[in-house]
Protein backbone atom coordinates (compact mmCIF):
# COMPACT_ATOMS: atom_id res chain seq x y z
CA MET A 1 93.64 89.12 161.61
CA LYS A 2 92.46 90.86 158.89
CA LEU A 3 91.84 89.01 155.05
CA THR A 4 92.56 91.07 151.94
CA GLN A 5 88.86 91.38 151.05
CA SER A 6 86.98 93.98 152.80
CA VAL A 7 83.40 94.70 152.70
CA LEU A 8 83.13 96.71 155.68
CA SER A 9 81.90 100.56 154.59
CA ALA A 10 83.19 103.54 155.01
CA PHE A 11 80.31 103.66 157.47
CA VAL A 12 81.53 101.07 159.70
CA ILE A 13 84.87 101.96 159.47
CA ALA A 14 84.14 105.52 160.76
CA SER A 15 82.10 103.98 163.66
CA LEU A 16 85.05 101.72 164.57
CA LEU A 17 87.47 104.48 164.19
CA MET A 18 85.06 106.69 166.57
CA CYS A 19 85.61 104.31 169.39
CA SER A 20 89.33 103.74 169.01
CA CYS A 21 89.62 100.16 167.77
CA THR A 22 89.20 97.93 165.00
CA PRO A 23 87.63 94.51 165.29
CA ALA A 24 90.68 92.63 165.14
CA ASP A 25 91.50 94.47 168.61
CA ARG A 26 91.39 90.98 170.74
CA GLY A 27 88.62 91.12 173.82
CA SER A 28 87.47 94.43 173.08
CA ALA A 29 85.78 94.26 169.25
CA ALA A 30 82.45 92.93 170.22
CA ALA A 31 81.76 95.80 172.28
CA SER A 32 83.43 98.56 169.99
CA VAL A 33 80.48 99.08 167.26
CA ASP A 34 78.66 102.02 167.47
CA TYR A 35 75.31 100.81 166.77
CA PRO A 36 72.97 101.00 164.29
CA VAL A 37 75.23 100.98 161.23
CA GLU A 38 74.59 101.12 157.62
CA PHE A 39 76.69 99.54 155.08
CA THR A 40 76.41 99.32 151.23
CA LEU A 41 76.96 96.14 149.96
CA SER A 42 76.74 95.53 145.69
CA LYS A 43 74.38 92.75 144.38
CA THR A 44 77.40 91.49 142.74
CA ASP A 45 79.18 91.02 146.14
CA LEU A 46 75.59 90.12 147.70
CA MET A 47 75.46 87.25 144.95
CA ASN A 48 79.12 86.18 145.59
CA LYS A 49 78.73 85.73 148.92
CA ILE A 50 76.01 83.71 148.96
CA LYS A 51 77.46 81.20 146.89
CA GLY A 52 80.74 81.63 148.67
CA GLY A 53 78.67 80.53 151.90
CA TRP A 54 76.68 77.49 150.14
CA ALA A 55 79.92 76.32 148.07
CA GLY A 56 82.06 76.69 151.34
CA GLN A 57 79.20 74.35 153.31
CA VAL A 58 79.45 71.34 150.23
CA ILE A 59 83.35 71.34 149.74
CA GLY A 60 83.75 71.50 153.55
CA CYS A 61 81.36 68.45 154.10
CA THR A 62 82.74 66.69 151.24
CA TYR A 63 86.42 67.15 152.44
CA GLY A 64 85.77 65.76 156.00
CA GLY A 65 83.21 63.03 155.07
CA PRO A 66 85.36 59.90 155.03
CA THR A 67 86.07 60.93 158.57
CA GLU A 68 82.70 61.43 159.71
CA PHE A 69 82.68 59.72 163.47
CA LYS A 70 85.57 58.10 163.41
CA TYR A 71 87.93 59.78 165.58
CA ASN A 72 85.46 60.22 168.51
CA GLY A 73 87.28 61.90 171.63
CA THR A 74 90.35 62.02 169.64
CA MET A 75 92.08 64.23 167.26
CA ILE A 76 93.11 63.40 163.88
CA GLN A 77 96.85 63.54 163.37
CA GLU A 78 98.55 65.42 160.64
CA TYR A 79 100.14 62.19 159.14
CA VAL A 80 97.11 60.72 158.35
CA PRO A 81 95.89 62.13 154.72
CA ILE A 82 92.49 63.36 154.21
CA ASP A 83 92.41 63.31 150.35
CA TRP A 84 90.73 65.60 147.70
CA ASP A 85 90.64 66.03 144.13
CA GLU A 86 88.15 66.87 141.41
CA THR A 87 86.21 63.45 141.98
CA LYS A 88 85.21 63.87 145.59
CA MET A 89 82.10 65.67 145.41
CA GLU A 90 80.38 64.31 142.47
CA TRP A 91 81.16 60.81 144.05
CA TYR A 92 79.15 61.80 147.22
CA TYR A 93 76.52 63.20 145.27
CA THR A 94 75.94 60.14 143.46
CA TYR A 95 77.02 57.32 145.82
CA ALA A 96 76.86 58.63 149.16
CA PRO A 97 74.06 61.39 149.06
CA GLY A 98 73.41 60.86 152.68
CA LEU A 99 76.35 63.01 153.54
CA TYR A 100 74.69 66.14 152.55
CA ASP A 101 71.97 65.87 155.47
CA ASP A 102 73.17 69.04 156.50
CA VAL A 103 72.30 70.82 152.97
CA TYR A 104 69.03 69.30 152.00
CA MET A 105 67.86 69.71 155.38
CA ASP A 106 68.92 73.56 154.80
CA LEU A 107 67.20 73.27 151.24
CA THR A 108 63.91 72.48 152.94
CA PHE A 109 63.40 75.22 154.95
CA VAL A 110 64.73 77.68 151.49
CA GLU A 111 62.21 76.14 149.70
CA VAL A 112 59.18 76.38 152.16
CA PHE A 113 60.32 80.09 151.96
CA GLU A 114 60.26 80.23 148.71
CA LYS A 115 57.12 78.45 147.93
CA GLU A 116 54.83 80.47 150.58
CA GLY A 117 56.77 83.48 151.52
CA LEU A 118 59.18 84.76 154.55
CA ASP A 119 56.53 84.54 157.08
CA ALA A 120 56.15 80.93 156.46
CA PRO A 121 55.12 79.40 159.72
CA ALA A 122 56.80 76.89 161.56
CA THR A 123 54.35 74.17 161.07
CA SER A 124 55.22 74.21 157.16
CA HIS A 125 58.50 73.73 157.98
CA ALA A 126 58.19 71.07 160.23
CA LYS A 127 55.65 68.95 158.06
CA ALA A 128 58.16 69.83 154.73
CA PHE A 129 60.94 68.09 156.51
CA ALA A 130 58.80 65.40 158.25
CA TYR A 131 57.45 64.00 155.00
CA ALA A 132 60.50 64.21 153.22
CA GLU A 133 62.05 60.94 151.78
CA TYR A 134 65.48 61.70 152.98
CA MET A 135 67.13 60.02 155.66
CA LEU A 136 67.58 61.70 159.41
CA TRP A 137 69.11 61.03 162.83
CA HIS A 138 69.02 61.96 166.28
CA ALA A 139 67.47 65.30 167.06
CA ASN A 140 65.49 65.74 163.40
CA GLN A 141 64.71 62.05 163.40
CA ALA A 142 63.02 62.46 166.74
CA ALA A 143 61.55 65.42 165.53
CA ARG A 144 59.88 63.83 162.60
CA TYR A 145 58.60 61.15 164.83
CA ASN A 146 56.85 64.00 167.14
CA ILE A 147 55.11 65.70 164.39
CA MET A 148 54.30 62.43 162.36
CA ASN A 149 52.70 61.63 165.80
CA GLY A 150 51.09 64.68 166.20
CA LEU A 151 53.42 66.65 168.47
CA GLU A 152 53.97 70.12 166.95
CA PRO A 153 56.70 72.27 167.18
CA PRO A 154 57.90 74.09 169.36
CA ALA A 155 57.45 70.86 171.37
CA SER A 156 58.71 68.36 169.07
CA GLY A 157 62.05 69.98 169.92
CA HIS A 158 61.58 70.24 173.67
CA TRP A 159 63.68 67.81 175.66
CA GLU A 160 61.08 66.44 177.87
CA ASN A 161 59.72 64.86 174.33
CA ASN A 162 63.43 64.62 172.21
CA PRO A 163 66.01 63.33 173.99
CA HIS A 164 68.45 64.46 171.37
CA ALA A 165 67.20 68.22 171.83
CA ASP A 166 70.95 69.22 172.71
CA ASP A 167 72.30 67.29 169.61
CA ILE A 168 73.97 69.13 166.50
CA ASP A 169 70.59 69.08 164.65
CA PHE A 170 69.67 72.78 163.87
CA GLN A 171 73.47 73.55 164.86
CA ILE A 172 74.71 71.84 160.90
CA GLU A 173 71.57 73.16 159.13
CA ALA A 174 71.08 76.48 160.20
CA ASP A 175 73.36 78.10 157.59
CA PHE A 176 70.31 79.22 155.40
CA ALA A 177 68.71 81.45 158.21
CA GLY A 178 72.24 83.66 158.36
CA LEU A 179 72.75 83.39 154.51
CA MET A 180 69.04 85.17 153.99
CA ASN A 181 69.95 87.67 156.48
CA PRO A 182 72.72 89.67 155.35
CA GLY A 183 74.55 91.70 158.47
CA MET A 184 71.30 91.59 160.33
CA VAL A 185 71.30 88.70 163.12
CA ASN A 186 68.71 89.86 164.94
CA SER A 187 66.28 88.92 162.17
CA SER A 188 68.38 85.95 161.48
CA SER A 189 67.82 84.75 165.25
CA GLU A 190 63.86 85.42 164.78
CA VAL A 191 63.99 82.65 161.59
CA CYS A 192 66.05 80.32 164.06
CA ASP A 193 63.51 80.69 166.88
CA ARG A 194 60.84 79.73 164.24
CA VAL A 195 62.39 76.57 162.48
CA GLY A 196 64.84 75.42 165.62
CA HIS A 197 62.62 74.63 168.03
CA ILE A 198 61.34 72.21 165.48
CA MET A 199 63.98 69.62 166.38
CA ASN A 200 66.05 71.17 169.24
CA TYR A 201 65.84 72.96 172.62
CA GLY A 202 68.43 75.08 174.55
CA ASP A 203 72.30 74.27 173.57
CA GLY A 204 70.86 72.36 170.50
CA TRP A 205 69.24 75.70 169.45
CA TYR A 206 71.78 77.97 170.63
CA GLY A 207 74.24 76.26 167.98
CA GLY A 208 72.17 77.12 165.02
CA VAL A 209 71.40 80.38 166.20
CA TYR A 210 75.30 81.15 166.68
CA VAL A 211 76.21 79.90 163.82
CA ALA A 212 73.16 81.42 161.49
CA ALA A 213 74.87 84.69 163.05
CA MET A 214 78.30 84.09 161.87
CA TYR A 215 76.83 83.72 158.10
CA SER A 216 75.21 86.75 158.78
CA LEU A 217 77.86 89.16 160.05
CA SER A 218 80.38 87.73 157.33
CA PHE A 219 78.46 90.04 154.59
CA TRP A 220 79.73 92.75 156.83
CA SER A 221 82.62 92.10 158.25
CA ASN A 222 85.88 89.98 156.92
CA ASP A 223 87.46 89.65 160.56
CA VAL A 224 87.10 86.22 161.24
CA GLU A 225 87.91 87.05 165.59
CA PHE A 226 85.41 89.86 165.51
CA ILE A 227 82.73 87.73 163.63
CA VAL A 228 83.04 84.82 166.40
CA LYS A 229 82.91 87.33 169.24
CA GLU A 230 80.26 89.55 168.02
CA ALA A 231 77.95 86.76 166.85
CA LEU A 232 78.14 85.24 170.64
CA ARG A 233 76.34 88.17 171.78
CA THR A 234 72.87 86.77 170.22
CA ILE A 235 73.61 84.13 173.10
CA PRO A 236 72.32 84.60 176.64
CA GLU A 237 75.77 84.62 178.72
CA GLN A 238 74.20 81.78 181.63
CA SER A 239 73.76 78.87 178.89
CA GLU A 240 76.54 76.52 178.63
CA PHE A 241 76.82 76.93 175.19
CA TYR A 242 77.47 80.69 175.08
CA GLN A 243 80.80 79.54 177.83
CA CYS A 244 81.80 76.69 176.02
CA ILE A 245 82.48 79.06 173.12
CA SER A 246 83.80 82.16 175.46
CA ASP A 247 86.10 79.35 176.83
CA VAL A 248 87.50 78.35 173.16
CA ILE A 249 87.85 82.41 172.82
CA GLY A 250 90.22 82.80 175.89
CA TRP A 251 92.06 79.25 175.05
CA TYR A 252 93.02 80.94 171.68
CA GLU A 253 93.83 84.14 172.88
CA ALA A 254 96.05 82.47 175.32
CA ASN A 255 97.55 79.79 172.39
CA PRO A 256 96.81 81.76 169.36
CA ASP A 257 99.79 79.22 167.25
CA ASP A 258 98.76 76.31 168.74
CA TRP A 259 94.96 74.53 168.31
CA LYS A 260 95.83 71.49 169.63
CA GLN A 261 96.08 72.86 173.26
CA THR A 262 92.91 74.75 172.91
CA TRP A 263 91.40 71.05 171.73
CA PHE A 264 92.37 69.59 174.46
CA GLU A 265 91.07 71.97 176.97
CA ALA A 266 87.75 71.77 175.04
CA GLU A 267 87.82 67.93 175.75
CA ARG A 268 88.68 68.13 179.24
CA LYS A 269 86.12 70.77 180.18
CA TRP A 270 82.75 70.32 177.44
CA SER A 271 83.12 67.13 176.06
CA SER A 272 80.72 65.33 178.62
CA ASP A 273 77.47 64.80 176.68
CA ILE A 274 74.38 64.50 179.19
CA GLY A 275 71.77 64.29 176.96
CA CYS A 276 71.80 62.07 173.57
CA PRO A 277 71.54 58.40 174.39
CA ASP A 278 73.78 56.93 172.00
CA GLY A 279 76.58 59.43 173.86
CA VAL A 280 76.44 59.05 177.14
CA PHE A 281 79.18 56.85 178.54
CA VAL A 282 80.80 56.34 174.98
CA PRO A 283 83.61 58.63 173.48
CA PHE A 284 80.66 59.45 170.71
CA ASN A 285 79.58 62.78 170.79
CA ILE A 286 77.51 64.72 168.97
CA ASP A 287 76.13 67.35 171.44
CA ALA A 288 76.14 70.95 169.81
CA LYS A 289 78.44 72.39 172.13
CA ILE A 290 81.73 70.70 172.00
CA ASN A 291 81.28 70.26 167.64
CA ALA A 292 80.54 74.60 167.89
CA ALA A 293 83.76 74.32 169.82
CA TYR A 294 85.56 72.67 166.79
CA ILE A 295 83.79 75.03 164.21
CA VAL A 296 85.12 77.91 166.08
CA ILE A 297 88.54 76.36 166.34
CA GLY A 298 88.98 75.88 162.82
CA LEU A 299 87.81 79.63 162.22
CA LEU A 300 89.91 81.26 164.44
CA TYR A 301 93.15 79.21 163.81
CA GLY A 302 92.86 78.72 160.51
CA GLU A 303 93.84 82.32 159.91
CA GLY A 304 91.55 83.38 156.87
CA ASP A 305 93.15 80.45 154.71
CA PHE A 306 90.36 78.14 153.37
CA GLY A 307 92.54 75.07 153.14
CA LYS A 308 93.16 75.39 156.83
CA THR A 309 90.25 76.44 158.31
CA ILE A 310 88.26 73.34 157.23
CA ASP A 311 91.40 70.82 157.94
CA ILE A 312 91.48 71.83 161.60
CA SER A 313 87.72 71.95 162.17
CA THR A 314 88.09 68.21 160.65
CA ARG A 315 90.93 67.13 162.65
CA CYS A 316 89.20 67.98 165.77
CA GLY A 317 86.93 64.79 165.23
CA GLN A 318 83.42 63.78 166.28
CA ASP A 319 81.15 65.19 163.60
CA SER A 320 83.91 66.12 161.28
CA ASP A 321 82.09 66.32 157.84
CA CYS A 322 79.24 69.02 159.42
CA ASN A 323 81.64 70.98 161.32
CA PRO A 324 83.94 71.68 158.38
CA ALA A 325 80.87 72.41 156.39
CA SER A 326 79.88 75.03 159.06
CA SER A 327 83.56 76.92 159.17
CA GLY A 328 84.02 76.34 155.40
CA GLY A 329 80.74 77.93 154.65
CA ILE A 330 81.36 80.81 157.18
CA LEU A 331 84.49 81.60 155.61
CA GLY A 332 83.42 80.88 152.03
CA THR A 333 80.55 83.76 152.85
CA ILE A 334 83.63 86.03 154.25
CA LEU A 335 85.80 85.59 151.00
CA GLY A 336 82.79 85.23 148.11
CA TYR A 337 82.65 82.47 145.38
CA ASP A 338 85.28 83.98 143.26
CA ALA A 339 88.21 83.97 145.80
CA LEU A 340 87.40 80.93 147.33
CA PRO A 341 91.02 78.48 146.22
CA GLU A 342 90.92 76.84 143.05
CA TYR A 343 92.30 73.78 144.47
CA TRP A 344 89.39 73.90 146.78
CA LYS A 345 86.76 74.45 143.90
CA GLN A 346 87.57 71.59 142.03
CA GLY A 347 85.07 69.09 140.98
CA LEU A 348 82.53 71.67 142.35
CA ASP A 349 81.34 72.53 138.32
CA LYS A 350 80.21 68.93 137.92
CA VAL A 351 77.66 69.14 140.66
CA GLU A 352 76.24 72.86 141.00
CA ASP A 353 73.45 71.78 138.37
CA MET A 354 72.62 68.30 140.12
CA ASP A 355 69.94 68.25 142.17
CA PHE A 356 70.48 67.38 145.59
CA LYS A 357 69.51 63.66 146.41
CA TYR A 358 65.75 63.66 147.74
CA THR A 359 65.42 67.01 146.37
CA THR A 360 64.65 68.70 142.61
CA ILE A 361 66.98 71.91 144.09
CA SER A 362 70.57 72.01 142.77
CA LEU A 363 73.31 74.30 144.24
CA ASN A 364 73.04 76.99 140.99
CA ASP A 365 69.10 77.09 142.20
CA THR A 366 70.17 77.32 145.56
CA TYR A 367 72.53 80.43 144.35
CA ASP A 368 69.32 82.05 142.95
CA MET A 369 66.58 81.58 145.68
CA GLY A 370 68.85 82.89 148.43
CA PHE A 371 69.90 86.01 146.54
CA ARG A 372 66.06 86.59 146.23
CA GLN A 373 65.56 85.97 149.80
CA ALA A 374 68.39 87.91 151.48
CA VAL A 375 67.45 90.69 149.05
CA GLU A 376 63.55 90.88 150.64
CA MET A 377 65.00 90.37 154.10
CA VAL A 378 67.10 93.50 153.90
CA LYS A 379 63.88 95.31 152.73
CA ARG A 380 61.88 93.93 155.61
CA ASN A 381 64.22 95.31 158.30
CA GLY A 382 64.92 98.79 156.99
CA GLY A 383 67.37 98.64 154.44
CA GLU A 384 67.17 99.58 150.65
CA GLU A 385 67.55 98.08 146.96
CA MET A 386 68.87 100.27 145.11
CA GLU A 387 69.53 99.67 141.08
CA ASP A 388 73.20 97.99 141.84
CA GLY A 389 73.44 97.76 145.71
CA LEU A 390 71.62 97.49 148.84
CA LYS A 391 71.66 99.66 151.71
CA ILE A 392 71.86 97.33 154.74
CA LYS A 393 70.71 98.25 158.36
CA VAL A 394 72.89 96.28 161.21
CA GLU A 395 71.92 96.55 164.64
CA ALA A 396 73.00 95.05 168.02
CA PRO A 397 73.05 91.86 168.02
CA LEU A 398 70.48 91.37 171.30
CA PRO A 399 70.80 87.85 172.92
CA VAL A 400 67.65 85.32 172.64
CA LYS A 401 65.96 83.79 175.25
CA PHE A 402 67.40 81.49 177.54
CA GLU A 403 66.59 78.02 178.04
CA LYS A 404 68.32 75.00 179.28
CA ALA A 405 67.67 71.51 178.59
CA PHE A 406 67.85 68.09 180.99
CA GLU A 407 67.80 70.82 183.70
CA GLY A 408 68.34 69.04 187.20
CA HIS A 409 69.48 65.68 185.28
CA PHE A 410 72.70 63.87 185.09
CA PRO A 411 73.62 60.54 183.55
CA VAL A 412 74.61 58.37 186.86
CA LYS A 413 74.12 54.78 185.89
CA LYS A 414 73.90 52.89 182.40
CA ILE A 415 71.97 49.21 182.86
CA ASN A 416 73.35 47.11 180.22
CA ALA A 417 71.07 44.81 178.26
CA PRO A 418 72.55 41.44 178.14
CA TRP A 419 74.68 40.37 175.25
CA GLY A 420 72.49 40.40 172.23
CA GLY A 421 70.01 42.59 173.81
CA ASN A 422 66.66 41.76 174.87
CA SER A 423 63.71 41.52 172.64
CA LEU A 424 59.72 41.15 172.88
CA ALA A 425 59.04 38.32 169.80
CA VAL A 426 56.17 36.44 169.29
CA GLY A 427 56.70 32.87 171.13
CA GLY A 428 59.10 35.03 173.87
CA GLU A 429 58.13 37.56 176.14
CA THR A 430 56.02 40.14 175.24
CA GLU A 431 56.75 42.30 178.49
CA HIS A 432 59.73 43.74 179.60
CA SER A 433 60.44 45.40 183.21
CA PHE A 434 63.52 46.86 185.19
CA ASP A 435 64.22 48.85 188.04
CA PHE A 436 66.22 51.87 188.47
CA THR A 437 67.15 55.00 191.25
CA GLY A 438 67.22 58.03 189.47
CA ASN A 439 64.90 61.40 188.41
CA GLY A 440 64.48 60.17 184.89
CA PHE A 441 65.62 57.33 182.21
CA VAL A 442 65.62 56.59 178.29
CA LEU A 443 65.36 52.99 176.96
CA ARG A 444 67.41 52.83 173.94
CA GLY A 445 65.90 50.10 171.09
CA GLY A 446 63.77 50.02 168.26
CA ALA A 447 60.88 48.15 166.48
CA ARG A 448 62.49 45.65 163.48
CA LYS A 449 60.62 43.52 161.01
CA LEU A 450 62.44 40.34 160.28
CA MET A 451 61.84 39.36 156.94
CA ASP A 452 60.75 40.53 153.58
CA GLY A 453 57.12 42.33 154.02
CA GLU A 454 55.25 45.64 154.69
CA ASP A 455 56.21 47.68 157.48
CA LEU A 456 54.12 47.60 160.68
CA LYS A 457 53.50 49.78 163.45
CA LEU A 458 53.89 48.28 166.29
CA GLU A 459 51.80 49.13 169.64
CA VAL A 460 53.94 49.37 173.31
CA GLU A 461 52.23 50.01 176.85
CA VAL A 462 54.78 51.44 179.05
CA TYR A 463 53.95 51.84 182.73
CA VAL A 464 56.23 53.86 185.34
CA ASP A 465 55.44 52.81 189.02
CA GLY A 466 52.89 50.88 187.62
CA GLU A 467 50.45 54.01 186.13
CA LEU A 468 50.03 54.28 182.12
CA HIS A 469 52.92 56.58 181.23
CA GLU A 470 52.52 56.58 177.26
CA LEU A 471 51.09 54.15 174.37
CA ALA A 472 53.76 54.18 172.06
CA SER A 473 53.30 53.77 167.82
CA MET A 474 56.82 52.09 166.83
CA PRO A 475 56.91 51.76 163.22
CA THR A 476 59.15 49.24 161.70
CA GLY A 477 59.95 51.92 158.45
CA TYR A 478 63.31 53.68 158.56
CA GLN A 479 61.87 56.55 157.89
CA GLY A 480 59.18 57.23 160.31
CA ARG A 481 60.79 55.09 163.21
CA ARG A 482 61.00 55.87 166.55
CA HIS A 483 64.74 56.84 167.91
CA GLU A 484 64.01 55.12 171.63
CA VAL A 485 62.10 52.65 173.09
CA THR A 486 60.79 55.28 175.35
CA TRP A 487 61.75 57.49 178.06
CA LYS A 488 60.50 59.91 181.07
CA TYR A 489 61.84 62.87 182.88
CA ASN A 490 61.20 64.67 185.92
CA LEU A 491 60.31 61.84 188.25
CA GLU A 492 60.73 62.28 191.90
CA GLN A 493 64.65 61.47 192.72
CA GLY A 494 63.99 57.74 194.33
CA ASP A 495 63.24 53.71 193.52
CA HIS A 496 61.51 53.16 190.27
CA THR A 497 60.17 50.26 188.07
CA VAL A 498 59.17 50.60 184.37
CA LYS A 499 57.35 47.86 182.34
CA VAL A 500 57.03 48.05 178.78
CA VAL A 501 54.10 45.40 177.11
CA TRP A 502 54.04 44.84 173.41
CA LYS A 503 50.44 45.49 172.54
CA ASN A 504 49.91 43.73 168.81
CA PRO A 505 52.43 41.03 168.84
CA THR A 506 52.75 39.90 165.45
CA GLU A 507 54.75 36.89 163.66
CA GLY A 508 57.57 38.16 161.81
CA TYR A 509 58.39 41.47 164.01
CA ARG A 510 59.83 42.09 167.05
CA ILE A 511 60.53 44.81 169.52
CA ASP A 512 64.26 45.23 170.24
CA LEU A 513 65.03 46.59 173.95
CA GLY A 514 68.99 48.21 174.64
CA ASP A 515 70.24 49.37 177.35
CA VAL A 516 68.98 52.20 179.35
CA ILE A 517 69.95 55.40 180.40
CA VAL A 518 69.51 56.20 184.47
CA TYR A 519 69.29 59.91 185.33
CA GLY A 520 69.91 61.56 188.98
CA PRO A 521 69.88 65.53 190.06
CA GLU A 522 73.40 65.51 190.67
CA PRO A 523 76.21 63.63 189.14
CA SER A 524 77.61 60.49 190.46
CA ILE A 525 80.96 61.44 191.79
């Protein structure tokens, strides 16, 4: 399938012809290009594509916003209406700005590069997002807590320190890395390595690398199938993320007219979350792999139609605002801002000069910063800036390093907290113990204040088999909160006892103790 607005240069076309195939050839496209390739992109087209990527992301996020995590483990049927009109974006910007966490997180990193230059280290990005005012969840929040408490990247995103390491977080905020590296996927991967390990590891990191690679290739090729396949070359084949997306591509080739069949196959094989404590043993799934599958399903079955693409990614369910944001942003980059359908751009003009909440950056600001950074990246990677355009060198995509989170760990049991949960509180118990059999555990819960007053840092000692595992600081404030009470992996398989002791009991505060996720070295069945 090819779109009408090709940006493949004569250099690329000639290269493809020498290989006797085109990017549209299924199954062979990824190996068809004779690298390296040089192509020329006018500055007008570069800006048009950067604008299309950012605008497409915002449109897709807004469209899927009303459905986010309302359809878990099930698709959204066609008869379920998802409304769209010129008021949608302005309403969310004004009344529910947290919807755009995938955008304002992106912009944090864009702004760091703007202020410190393209060599800005991971620590600068980490501190900028950790101390920002916006709300965070899952791997981002766990990393924020780690950084605030002295654990720097990449340790802040490592699975032993972050139970959400395989979650979607970097996948939804890696758009910037691809948009600042037009046609240069390996340069994009380097940026992803620097930033993505702040909050993720393994498959959670690969989600961002892959999405960014698709953005990057969207400046060079207009062929969705080619982009989906070629970008996957940046991911190690032995990873489950690679295998999941490879499966989706295969199912699409077997059933190119039935996205629901591919959705069912993906659910059957890849919908079991083993990491996120909020998604184990329940339909909720924020794992990067399955949500990336929904991005790809939207792109492949959307056939280059913007509305169809974001609608399918939305109707796949789960994180159904972030997934169409990614597919919409990638297709928006392919099409360019000017070619985005007017129906989907309605209302965009009302928000392009509005700063995203918690930032001083608008979409119009983002377009300009993105353009400047892309030009500099091109020159850094052997390209050339001319008066009216850029010569860009495209090299063969290389796989990033292999890493696997939660290796040898499978959820085998949930120890359910009693109705209402357990609590450590003044006047009640200030310590709690539980036993389990396995090689790891996560204790869910958090610190709470019971009335208006200042936020405090409650302190908890955690003992595993009688030995002090950690002294955990547990802020009651939402921004600095610890996502879980405590956890530990890589224990020797066997019987274990955990004791939690509140060290500074304070009237008007409590520590809620929730379910315990127990891990073993192999699935229970």
